[in-house]
PDB file of N, CA and C in Angstrom:
ATOM      1  N   MET A   1     119.485 -19.039-108.155  1.00  0.00           N
ATOM      2  CA  MET A   1     118.277 -19.858-108.166  1.00  0.00           C
ATOM      3  C   MET A   1     118.296 -20.697-109.435  1.00  0.00           C
ATOM      4  N   GLY A   2     118.210 -22.032-109.304  1.00  0.00           N
ATOM      5  CA  GLY A   2     118.268 -22.930-110.441  1.00  0.00           C
ATOM      6  C   GLY A   2     116.905 -23.136-111.082  1.00  0.00           C
ATOM      7  N   ALA A   3     116.915 -23.891-112.189  1.00  0.00           N
ATOM      8  CA  ALA A   3     115.678 -24.165-112.913  1.00  0.00           C
ATOM      9  C   ALA A   3     114.697 -24.946-112.055  1.00  0.00           C
ATOM     10  N   ARG A   4     115.221 -25.777-111.166  1.00  0.00           N
ATOM     11  CA  ARG A   4     114.343 -26.566-110.299  1.00  0.00           C
ATOM     12  C   ARG A   4     113.710 -25.731-109.203  1.00  0.00           C
ATOM     13  N   ASP A   5     114.252 -24.576-108.948  1.00  0.00           N
ATOM     14  CA  ASP A   5     113.739 -23.723-107.878  1.00  0.00           C
ATOM     15  C   ASP A   5     112.608 -22.820-108.352  1.00  0.00           C
ATOM     16  N   THR A   6     112.366 -22.786-109.649  1.00  0.00           N
ATOM     17  CA  THR A   6     111.347 -21.898-110.194  1.00  0.00           C
ATOM     18  C   THR A   6     110.260 -22.710-110.881  1.00  0.00           C
ATOM     19  N   VAL A   7     109.028 -22.395-110.600  1.00  0.00           N
ATOM     20  CA  VAL A   7     107.883 -23.025-111.235  1.00  0.00           C
ATOM     21  C   VAL A   7     107.269 -21.988-112.162  1.00  0.00           C
ATOM     22  N   MET A   8     106.848 -22.436-113.371  1.00  0.00           N
ATOM     23  CA  MET A   8     106.250 -21.486-114.308  1.00  0.00           C
ATOM     24  C   MET A   8     104.731 -21.550-114.191  1.00  0.00           C
ATOM     25  N   ARG A   9     104.103 -20.393-114.271  1.00  0.00           N
ATOM     26  CA  ARG A   9     102.642 -20.361-114.299  1.00  0.00           C
ATOM     27  C   ARG A   9     102.209 -19.411-115.400  1.00  0.00           C
ATOM     28  N   LEU A  10     100.998 -19.627-115.906  1.00  0.00           N
ATOM     29  CA  LEU A  10     100.480 -18.802-116.984  1.00  0.00           C
ATOM     30  C   LEU A  10      99.815 -17.568-116.387  1.00  0.00           C
ATOM     31  N   ASP A  11     100.287 -16.403-116.813  1.00  0.00           N
ATOM     32  CA  ASP A  11      99.663 -15.154-116.395  1.00  0.00           C
ATOM     33  C   ASP A  11      98.596 -14.843-117.435  1.00  0.00           C
ATOM     34  N   MET A  12      97.342 -15.107-117.104  1.00  0.00           N
ATOM     35  CA  MET A  12      96.252 -14.982-118.062  1.00  0.00           C
ATOM     36  C   MET A  12      96.074 -13.553-118.569  1.00  0.00           C
ATOM     37  N   SER A  13      96.375 -12.574-117.779  1.00  0.00           N
ATOM     38  CA  SER A  13      96.177 -11.193-118.221  1.00  0.00           C
ATOM     39  C   SER A  13      97.206 -10.796-119.271  1.00  0.00           C
ATOM     40  N   ARG A  14      98.398 -11.380-119.207  1.00  0.00           N
ATOM     41  CA  ARG A  14      99.440 -11.025-120.163  1.00  0.00           C
ATOM     42  C   ARG A  14      99.599 -12.060-121.260  1.00  0.00           C
ATOM     43  N   GLY A  15      99.092 -13.288-121.048  1.00  0.00           N
ATOM     44  CA  GLY A  15      99.192 -14.332-122.049  1.00  0.00           C
ATOM     45  C   GLY A  15     100.558 -14.970-122.140  1.00  0.00           C
ATOM     46  N   ASP A  16     101.382 -14.811-121.117  1.00  0.00           N
ATOM     47  CA  ASP A  16     102.685 -15.468-121.131  1.00  0.00           C
ATOM     48  C   ASP A  16     102.950 -16.108-119.775  1.00  0.00           C
ATOM     49  N   THR A  17     104.086 -16.766-119.651  1.00  0.00           N
ATOM     50  CA  THR A  17     104.409 -17.410-118.391  1.00  0.00           C
ATOM     51  C   THR A  17     105.314 -16.517-117.565  1.00  0.00           C
ATOM     52  N   VAL A  18     105.128 -16.577-116.272  1.00  0.00           N
ATOM     53  CA  VAL A  18     105.965 -15.811-115.355  1.00  0.00           C
ATOM     54  C   VAL A  18     106.478 -16.758-114.287  1.00  0.00           C
ATOM     55  N   PRO A  19     107.691 -16.557-113.792  1.00  0.00           N
ATOM     56  CA  PRO A  19     108.213 -17.454-112.771  1.00  0.00           C
ATOM     57  C   PRO A  19     107.497 -17.263-111.442  1.00  0.00           C
ATOM     58  N   VAL A  20     107.289 -18.380-110.770  1.00  0.00           N
ATOM     59  CA  VAL A  20     106.689 -18.358-109.433  1.00  0.00           C
ATOM     60  C   VAL A  20     107.644 -19.123-108.527  1.00  0.00           C
ATOM     61  N   ARG A  21     108.061 -18.504-107.466  1.00  0.00           N
ATOM     62  CA  ARG A  21     108.997 -19.159-106.547  1.00  0.00           C
ATOM     63  C   ARG A  21     108.238 -20.164-105.687  1.00  0.00           C
ATOM     64  N   PRO A  22     108.880 -21.303-105.400  1.00  0.00           N
ATOM     65  CA  PRO A  22     108.207 -22.334-104.593  1.00  0.00           C
ATOM     66  C   PRO A  22     107.660 -21.815-103.276  1.00  0.00           C
ATOM     67  N   GLU A  23     108.323 -20.831-102.678  1.00  0.00           N
ATOM     68  CA  GLU A  23     107.829 -20.331-101.392  1.00  0.00           C
ATOM     69  C   GLU A  23     106.492 -19.604-101.537  1.00  0.00           C
ATOM     70  N   SER A  24     106.147 -19.196-102.784  1.00  0.00           N
ATOM     71  CA  SER A  24     104.858 -18.533-102.994  1.00  0.00           C
ATOM     72  C   SER A  24     103.764 -19.525-103.392  1.00  0.00           C
ATOM     73  N   THR A  25     104.099 -20.804-103.513  1.00  0.00           N
ATOM     74  CA  THR A  25     103.122 -21.833-103.870  1.00  0.00           C
ATOM     75  C   THR A  25     102.246 -22.111-102.657  1.00  0.00           C
ATOM     76  N   PRO A  26     100.920 -22.118-102.830  1.00  0.00           N
ATOM     77  CA  PRO A  26     100.025 -22.395-101.700  1.00  0.00           C
ATOM     78  C   PRO A  26     100.320 -23.763-101.088  1.00  0.00           C
ATOM     79  N   GLU A  27     100.188 -23.839 -99.782  1.00  0.00           N
ATOM     80  CA  GLU A  27     100.484 -25.073 -99.047  1.00  0.00           C
ATOM     81  C   GLU A  27      99.661 -26.251 -99.560  1.00  0.00           C
ATOM     82  N   ARG A  28      98.423 -26.000 -99.968  1.00  0.00           N
ATOM     83  CA  ARG A  28      97.568 -27.105-100.408  1.00  0.00           C
ATOM     84  C   ARG A  28      98.060 -27.724-101.709  1.00  0.00           C
ATOM     85  N   LEU A  29      98.903 -27.027-102.462  1.00  0.00           N
ATOM     86  CA  LEU A  29      99.431 -27.574-103.709  1.00  0.00           C
ATOM     87  C   LEU A  29     100.754 -28.302-103.527  1.00  0.00           C
ATOM     88  N   LYS A  30     101.446 -28.005-102.462  1.00  0.00           N
ATOM     89  CA  LYS A  30     102.740 -28.644-102.241  1.00  0.00           C
ATOM     90  C   LYS A  30     102.546 -30.138-101.999  1.00  0.00           C
ATOM     91  N   GLY A  31     103.344 -30.945-102.656  1.00  0.00           N
ATOM     92  CA  GLY A  31     103.259 -32.398-102.520  1.00  0.00           C
ATOM     93  C   GLY A  31     102.147 -33.027-103.331  1.00  0.00           C
ATOM     94  N   GLY A  32     101.366 -32.246-104.004  1.00  0.00           N
ATOM     95  CA  GLY A  32     100.256 -32.765-104.804  1.00  0.00           C
ATOM     96  C   GLY A  32     100.706 -33.522-106.037  1.00  0.00           C
ATOM     97  N   GLU A  33     101.956 -33.292-106.458  1.00  0.00           N
ATOM     98  CA  GLU A  33     102.423 -33.960-107.666  1.00  0.00           C
ATOM     99  C   GLU A  33     102.451 -35.473-107.485  1.00  0.00           C
ATOM    100  N   GLY A  34     102.707 -35.944-106.277  1.00  0.00           N
ATOM    101  CA  GLY A  34     102.710 -37.389-106.015  1.00  0.00           C
ATOM    102  C   GLY A  34     101.332 -37.988-106.203  1.00  0.00           C
ATOM    103  N   ASN A  35     100.305 -37.299-105.668  1.00  0.00           N
ATOM    104  CA  ASN A  35      98.936 -37.772-105.841  1.00  0.00           C
ATOM    105  C   ASN A  35      98.534 -37.737-107.304  1.00  0.00           C
ATOM    106  N   PHE A  36      98.932 -36.664-107.988  1.00  0.00           N
ATOM    107  CA  PHE A  36      98.601 -36.550-109.408  1.00  0.00           C
ATOM    108  C   PHE A  36      99.249 -37.687-110.186  1.00  0.00           C
ATOM    109  N   GLN A  37     100.516 -37.965-109.894  1.00  0.00           N
ATOM    110  CA  GLN A  37     101.222 -39.025-110.613  1.00  0.00           C
ATOM    111  C   GLN A  37     100.566 -40.379-110.356  1.00  0.00           C
ATOM    112  N   LYS A  38     100.186 -40.651-109.112  1.00  0.00           N
ATOM    113  CA  LYS A  38      99.522 -41.923-108.803  1.00  0.00           C
ATOM    114  C   LYS A  38      98.190 -42.032-109.534  1.00  0.00           C
ATOM    115  N   SER A  39      97.433 -40.932-109.538  1.00  0.00           N
ATOM    116  CA  SER A  39      96.146 -40.939-110.245  1.00  0.00           C
ATOM    117  C   SER A  39      96.343 -41.128-111.738  1.00  0.00           C
ATOM    118  N   TRP A  40      97.333 -40.457-112.276  1.00  0.00           N
ATOM    119  CA  TRP A  40      97.629 -40.555-113.709  1.00  0.00           C
ATOM    120  C   TRP A  40      98.026 -41.990-114.057  1.00  0.00           C
ATOM    121  N   GLU A  41      98.897 -42.594-113.245  1.00  0.00           N
ATOM    122  CA  GLU A  41      99.319 -43.967-113.490  1.00  0.00           C
ATOM    123  C   GLU A  41      98.137 -44.926-113.407  1.00  0.00           C
ATOM    124  N   TYR A  42      97.272 -44.724-112.413  1.00  0.00           N
ATOM    125  CA  TYR A  42      96.094 -45.574-112.261  1.00  0.00           C
ATOM    126  C   TYR A  42      95.189 -45.438-113.487  1.00  0.00           C
ATOM    127  N   GLY A  43      94.938 -44.194-113.904  1.00  0.00           N
ATOM    128  CA  GLY A  43      94.091 -43.963-115.077  1.00  0.00           C
ATOM    129  C   GLY A  43      94.694 -44.557-116.336  1.00  0.00           C
ATOM    130  N   ALA A  44      95.998 -44.410-116.509  1.00  0.00           N
ATOM    131  CA  ALA A  44      96.668 -44.970-117.686  1.00  0.00           C
ATOM    132  C   ALA A  44      96.583 -46.495-117.671  1.00  0.00           C
ATOM    133  N   LYS A  45      96.720 -47.084-116.485  1.00  0.00           N
ATOM    134  CA  LYS A  45      96.619 -48.539-116.362  1.00  0.00           C
ATOM    135  C   LYS A  45      95.201 -48.999-116.708  1.00  0.00           C
ATOM    136  N   GLN A  46      94.210 -48.305-116.189  1.00  0.00           N
ATOM    137  CA  GLN A  46      92.816 -48.646-116.483  1.00  0.00           C
ATOM    138  C   GLN A  46      92.523 -48.522-117.976  1.00  0.00           C
ATOM    139  N   LEU A  47      93.020 -47.452-118.582  1.00  0.00           N
ATOM    140  CA  LEU A  47      92.827 -47.245-120.018  1.00  0.00           C
ATOM    141  C   LEU A  47      93.504 -48.356-120.812  1.00  0.00           C
ATOM    142  N   GLY A  48      94.724 -48.719-120.418  1.00  0.00           N
ATOM    143  CA  GLY A  48      95.442 -49.799-121.090  1.00  0.00           C
ATOM    144  C   GLY A  48      94.683 -51.114-121.019  1.00  0.00           C
ATOM    145  N   GLU A  49      94.136 -51.418-119.855  1.00  0.00           N
ATOM    146  CA  GLU A  49      93.353 -52.646-119.692  1.00  0.00           C
ATOM    147  C   GLU A  49      92.096 -52.613-120.559  1.00  0.00           C
ATOM    148  N   ALA A  50      91.438 -51.471-120.608  1.00  0.00           N
ATOM    149  CA  ALA A  50      90.234 -51.343-121.435  1.00  0.00           C
ATOM    150  C   ALA A  50      90.573 -51.512-122.912  1.00  0.00           C
ATOM    151  N   VAL A  51      91.703 -50.969-123.337  1.00  0.00           N
ATOM    152  CA  VAL A  51      92.119 -51.111-124.736  1.00  0.00           C
ATOM    153  C   VAL A  51      92.395 -52.580-125.052  1.00  0.00           C
ATOM    154  N   LEU A  52      93.085 -53.279-124.146  1.00  0.00           N
ATOM    155  CA  LEU A  52      93.362 -54.704-124.377  1.00  0.00           C
ATOM    156  C   LEU A  52      92.073 -55.519-124.453  1.00  0.00           C
ATOM    157  N   GLU A  53      91.145 -55.251-123.536  1.00  0.00           N
ATOM    158  CA  GLU A  53      89.862 -55.966-123.549  1.00  0.00           C
ATOM    159  C   GLU A  53      89.102 -55.680-124.836  1.00  0.00           C
ATOM    160  N   THR A  54      89.074 -54.424-125.241  1.00  0.00           N
ATOM    161  CA  THR A  54      88.369 -54.046-126.467  1.00  0.00           C
ATOM    162  C   THR A  54      89.008 -54.710-127.680  1.00  0.00           C
ATOM    163  N   THR A  55      90.329 -54.755-127.704  1.00  0.00           N
ATOM    164  CA  THR A  55      91.038 -55.400-128.810  1.00  0.00           C
ATOM    165  C   THR A  55      90.667 -56.870-128.899  1.00  0.00           C
ATOM    166  N   GLU A  56      90.608 -57.548-127.762  1.00  0.00           N
ATOM    167  CA  GLU A  56      90.242 -58.963-127.759  1.00  0.00           C
ATOM    168  C   GLU A  56      88.811 -59.161-128.254  1.00  0.00           C
ATOM    169  N   VAL A  57      87.900 -58.316-127.816  1.00  0.00           N
ATOM    170  CA  VAL A  57      86.506 -58.423-128.241  1.00  0.00           C
ATOM    171  C   VAL A  57      86.397 -58.170-129.749  1.00  0.00           C
ATOM    172  N   VAL A  58      87.119 -57.192-130.244  1.00  0.00           N
ATOM    173  CA  VAL A  58      87.087 -56.900-131.682  1.00  0.00           C
ATOM    174  C   VAL A  58      87.617 -58.096-132.471  1.00  0.00           C
ATOM    175  N   LYS A  59      88.656 -58.750-131.966  1.00  0.00           N
ATOM    176  CA  LYS A  59      89.189 -59.939-132.645  1.00  0.00           C
ATOM    177  C   LYS A  59      88.137 -61.044-132.711  1.00  0.00           C
ATOM    178  N   VAL A  60      87.436 -61.272-131.595  1.00  0.00           N
ATOM    179  CA  VAL A  60      86.406 -62.309-131.554  1.00  0.00           C
ATOM    180  C   VAL A  60      85.279 -61.976-132.528  1.00  0.00           C
ATOM    181  N   VAL A  61      84.839 -60.725-132.532  1.00  0.00           N
ATOM    182  CA  VAL A  61      83.765 -60.306-133.438  1.00  0.00           C
ATOM    183  C   VAL A  61      84.221 -60.446-134.885  1.00  0.00           C
ATOM    184  N   HIS A  62      85.465 -60.077-135.170  1.00  0.00           N
ATOM    185  CA  HIS A  62      85.998 -60.197-136.532  1.00  0.00           C
ATOM    186  C   HIS A  62      85.998 -61.657-136.979  1.00  0.00           C
ATOM    187  N   GLN A  63      86.437 -62.555-136.090  1.00  0.00           N
ATOM    188  CA  GLN A  63      86.443 -63.976-136.430  1.00  0.00           C
ATOM    189  C   GLN A  63      85.029 -64.488-136.680  1.00  0.00           C
ATOM    190  N   ALA A  64      84.088 -64.070-135.846  1.00  0.00           N
ATOM    191  CA  ALA A  64      82.698 -64.489-136.030  1.00  0.00           C
ATOM    192  C   ALA A  64      82.148 -63.952-137.344  1.00  0.00           C
ATOM    193  N   TYR A  65      82.426 -62.693-137.636  1.00  0.00           N
ATOM    194  CA  TYR A  65      81.952 -62.086-138.881  1.00  0.00           C
ATOM    195  C   TYR A  65      82.550 -62.822-140.083  1.00  0.00           C
ATOM    196  N   SER A  66      83.841 -63.110-139.999  1.00  0.00           N
ATOM    197  CA  SER A  66      84.505 -63.826-141.095  1.00  0.00           C
ATOM    198  C   SER A  66      83.883 -65.198-141.292  1.00  0.00           C
ATOM    199  N   GLY A  67      83.559 -65.875-140.192  1.00  0.00           N
ATOM    200  CA  GLY A  67      82.919 -67.184-140.287  1.00  0.00           C
ATOM    201  C   GLY A  67      81.551 -67.103-140.932  1.00  0.00           C
ATOM    202  N   VAL A  68      80.755 -66.129-140.523  1.00  0.00           N
ATOM    203  CA  VAL A  68      79.422 -65.952-141.101  1.00  0.00           C
ATOM    204  C   VAL A  68      79.542 -65.572-142.575  1.00  0.00           C
ATOM    205  N   ASP A  69      80.466 -64.681-142.882  1.00  0.00           N
ATOM    206  CA  ASP A  69      80.674 -64.254-144.260  1.00  0.00           C
ATOM    207  C   ASP A  69      81.054 -65.449-145.140  1.00  0.00           C
ATOM    208  N   GLY A  70      81.943 -66.296-144.630  1.00  0.00           N
ATOM    209  CA  GLY A  70      82.341 -67.492-145.377  1.00  0.00           C
ATOM    210  C   GLY A  70      81.182 -68.451-145.563  1.00  0.00           C
ATOM    211  N   ALA A  71      80.361 -68.617-144.530  1.00  0.00           N
ATOM    212  CA  ALA A  71      79.203 -69.509-144.618  1.00  0.00           C
ATOM    213  C   ALA A  71      78.192 -68.996-145.643  1.00  0.00           C
ATOM    214  N   ILE A  72      77.966 -67.695-145.654  1.00  0.00           N
ATOM    215  CA  ILE A  72      77.035 -67.111-146.631  1.00  0.00           C
ATOM    216  C   ILE A  72      77.579 -67.285-148.044  1.00  0.00           C
ATOM    217  N   ALA A  73      78.867 -67.039-148.225  1.00  0.00           N
ATOM    218  CA  ALA A  73      79.480 -67.210-149.548  1.00  0.00           C
ATOM    219  C   ALA A  73      79.348 -68.663-150.011  1.00  0.00           C
ATOM    220  N   GLY A  74      79.560 -69.590-149.093  1.00  0.00           N
ATOM    221  CA  GLY A  74      79.409 -71.003-149.442  1.00  0.00           C
ATOM    222  C   GLY A  74      77.977 -71.351-149.805  1.00  0.00           C
ATOM    223  N   ALA A  75      77.017 -70.820-149.045  1.00  0.00           N
ATOM    224  CA  ALA A  75      75.605 -71.092-149.332  1.00  0.00           C
ATOM    225  C   ALA A  75      75.193 -70.514-150.678  1.00  0.00           C
ATOM    226  N   VAL A  76      75.629 -69.312-150.964  1.00  0.00           N
ATOM    227  CA  VAL A  76      75.298 -68.691-152.249  1.00  0.00           C
ATOM    228  C   VAL A  76      75.905 -69.495-153.390  1.00  0.00           C
ATOM    229  N   SER A  77      77.138 -69.919-153.204  1.00  0.00           N
ATOM    230  CA  SER A  77      77.809 -70.725-154.218  1.00  0.00           C
ATOM    231  C   SER A  77      77.065 -72.040-154.451  1.00  0.00           C
ATOM    232  N   THR A  78      76.618 -72.663-153.368  1.00  0.00           N
ATOM    233  CA  THR A  78      75.894 -73.929-153.468  1.00  0.00           C
ATOM    234  C   THR A  78      74.548 -73.745-154.156  1.00  0.00           C
ATOM    235  N   LEU A  79      73.901 -72.613-153.934  1.00  0.00           N
ATOM    236  CA  LEU A  79      72.578 -72.372-154.508  1.00  0.00           C
ATOM    237  C   LEU A  79      72.620 -71.880-155.952  1.00  0.00           C
ATOM    238  N   GLN A  80      73.769 -71.463-156.436  1.00  0.00           N
ATOM    239  CA  GLN A  80      73.827 -70.905-157.793  1.00  0.00           C
ATOM    240  C   GLN A  80      73.371 -71.908-158.847  1.00  0.00           C
ATOM    241  N   GLN A  81      73.812 -73.129-158.756  1.00  0.00           N
ATOM    242  CA  GLN A  81      73.426 -74.114-159.773  1.00  0.00           C
ATOM    243  C   GLN A  81      71.920 -74.394-159.733  1.00  0.00           C
ATOM    244  N   PRO A  82      71.334 -74.725-158.565  1.00  0.00           N
ATOM    245  CA  PRO A  82      69.879 -74.965-158.565  1.00  0.00           C
ATOM    246  C   PRO A  82      69.085 -73.727-158.994  1.00  0.00           C
ATOM    247  N   LEU A  83      69.511 -72.527-158.576  1.00  0.00           N
ATOM    248  CA  LEU A  83      68.794 -71.312-158.972  1.00  0.00           C
ATOM    249  C   LEU A  83      68.904 -71.091-160.470  1.00  0.00           C
ATOM    250  N   GLY A  84      70.065 -71.409-161.028  1.00  0.00           N
ATOM    251  CA  GLY A  84      70.236 -71.305-162.477  1.00  0.00           C
ATOM    252  C   GLY A  84      69.298 -72.248-163.209  1.00  0.00           C
ATOM    253  N   MET A  85      69.126 -73.459-162.681  1.00  0.00           N
ATOM    254  CA  MET A  85      68.217 -74.423-163.299  1.00  0.00           C
ATOM    255  C   MET A  85      66.771 -73.926-163.219  1.00  0.00           C
ATOM    256  N   ILE A  86      66.417 -73.318-162.085  1.00  0.00           N
ATOM    257  CA  ILE A  86      65.067 -72.773-161.936  1.00  0.00           C
ATOM    258  C   ILE A  86      64.844 -71.642-162.927  1.00  0.00           C
ATOM    259  N   ASP A  87      65.814 -70.764-163.078  1.00  0.00           N
ATOM    260  CA  ASP A  87      65.704 -69.664-164.042  1.00  0.00           C
ATOM    261  C   ASP A  87      65.491 -70.194-165.449  1.00  0.00           C
ATOM    262  N   GLN A  88      66.222 -71.252-165.830  1.00  0.00           N
ATOM    263  CA  GLN A  88      66.076 -71.831-167.165  1.00  0.00           C
ATOM    264  C   GLN A  88      64.677 -72.405-167.353  1.00  0.00           C
ATOM    265  N   ALA A  89      64.174 -73.106-166.319  1.00  0.00           N
ATOM    266  CA  ALA A  89      62.837 -73.700-166.409  1.00  0.00           C
ATOM    267  C   ALA A  89      61.776 -72.614-166.550  1.00  0.00           C
ATOM    268  N   VAL A  90      61.918 -71.535-165.777  1.00  0.00           N
ATOM    269  CA  VAL A  90      60.949 -70.433-165.861  1.00  0.00           C
ATOM    270  C   VAL A  90      61.015 -69.784-167.237  1.00  0.00           C
ATOM    271  N   SER A  91      62.191 -69.606-167.761  1.00  0.00           N
ATOM    272  CA  SER A  91      62.344 -69.007-169.097  1.00  0.00           C
ATOM    273  C   SER A  91      61.676 -69.873-170.149  1.00  0.00           C
ATOM    274  N   GLN A  92      61.840 -71.187-170.068  1.00  0.00           N
ATOM    275  CA  GLN A  92      61.222 -72.094-171.029  1.00  0.00           C
ATOM    276  C   GLN A  92      59.719 -72.047-170.917  1.00  0.00           C
ATOM    277  N   LEU A  93      59.195 -71.998-169.680  1.00  0.00           N
ATOM    278  CA  LEU A  93      57.751 -71.914-169.494  1.00  0.00           C
ATOM    279  C   LEU A  93      57.190 -70.602-170.050  1.00  0.00           C
ATOM    280  N   ASN A  94      57.915 -69.523-169.878  1.00  0.00           N
ATOM    281  CA  ASN A  94      57.463 -68.223-170.378  1.00  0.00           C
ATOM    282  C   ASN A  94      57.443 -68.203-171.901  1.00  0.00           C
ATOM    283  N   ARG A  95      58.371 -68.887-172.524  1.00  0.00           N
ATOM    284  CA  ARG A  95      58.397 -68.923-173.990  1.00  0.00           C
ATOM    285  C   ARG A  95      57.235 -69.731-174.538  1.00  0.00           C
ATOM    286  N   ARG A  96      56.836 -70.757-173.828  1.00  0.00           N
ATOM    287  CA  ARG A  96      55.729 -71.601-174.267  1.00  0.00           C
ATOM    288  C   ARG A  96      54.386 -70.946-174.042  1.00  0.00           C
ATOM    289  N   GLY A  97      54.359 -70.136-173.007  1.00  0.00           N
ATOM    290  CA  GLY A  97      53.123 -69.613-172.517  1.00  0.00           C
ATOM    291  C   GLY A  97      52.418 -68.653-173.304  1.00  0.00           C
TER     292      GLY A  97
END
């Protein structure tokens, strides 16, 4: 009997694996590996598509965030000089006051 002729199963009472001959495999399990493989492939394909979609969305959000971040940095930079002038004027008024 070759390695392909024996299926291993976990014997829960002993905590180890014991060989199970294919002829002792229940009829409802025979041929199920094809269905399992098709389901697994379908699920893997769906997961792959979801990962690609998520990656694209993350890229778009990152670009938008970078654009907003750059715009805020530019606005703050533009406002620094006028705000500095206002601070100086307030300081002068406080000294006089």
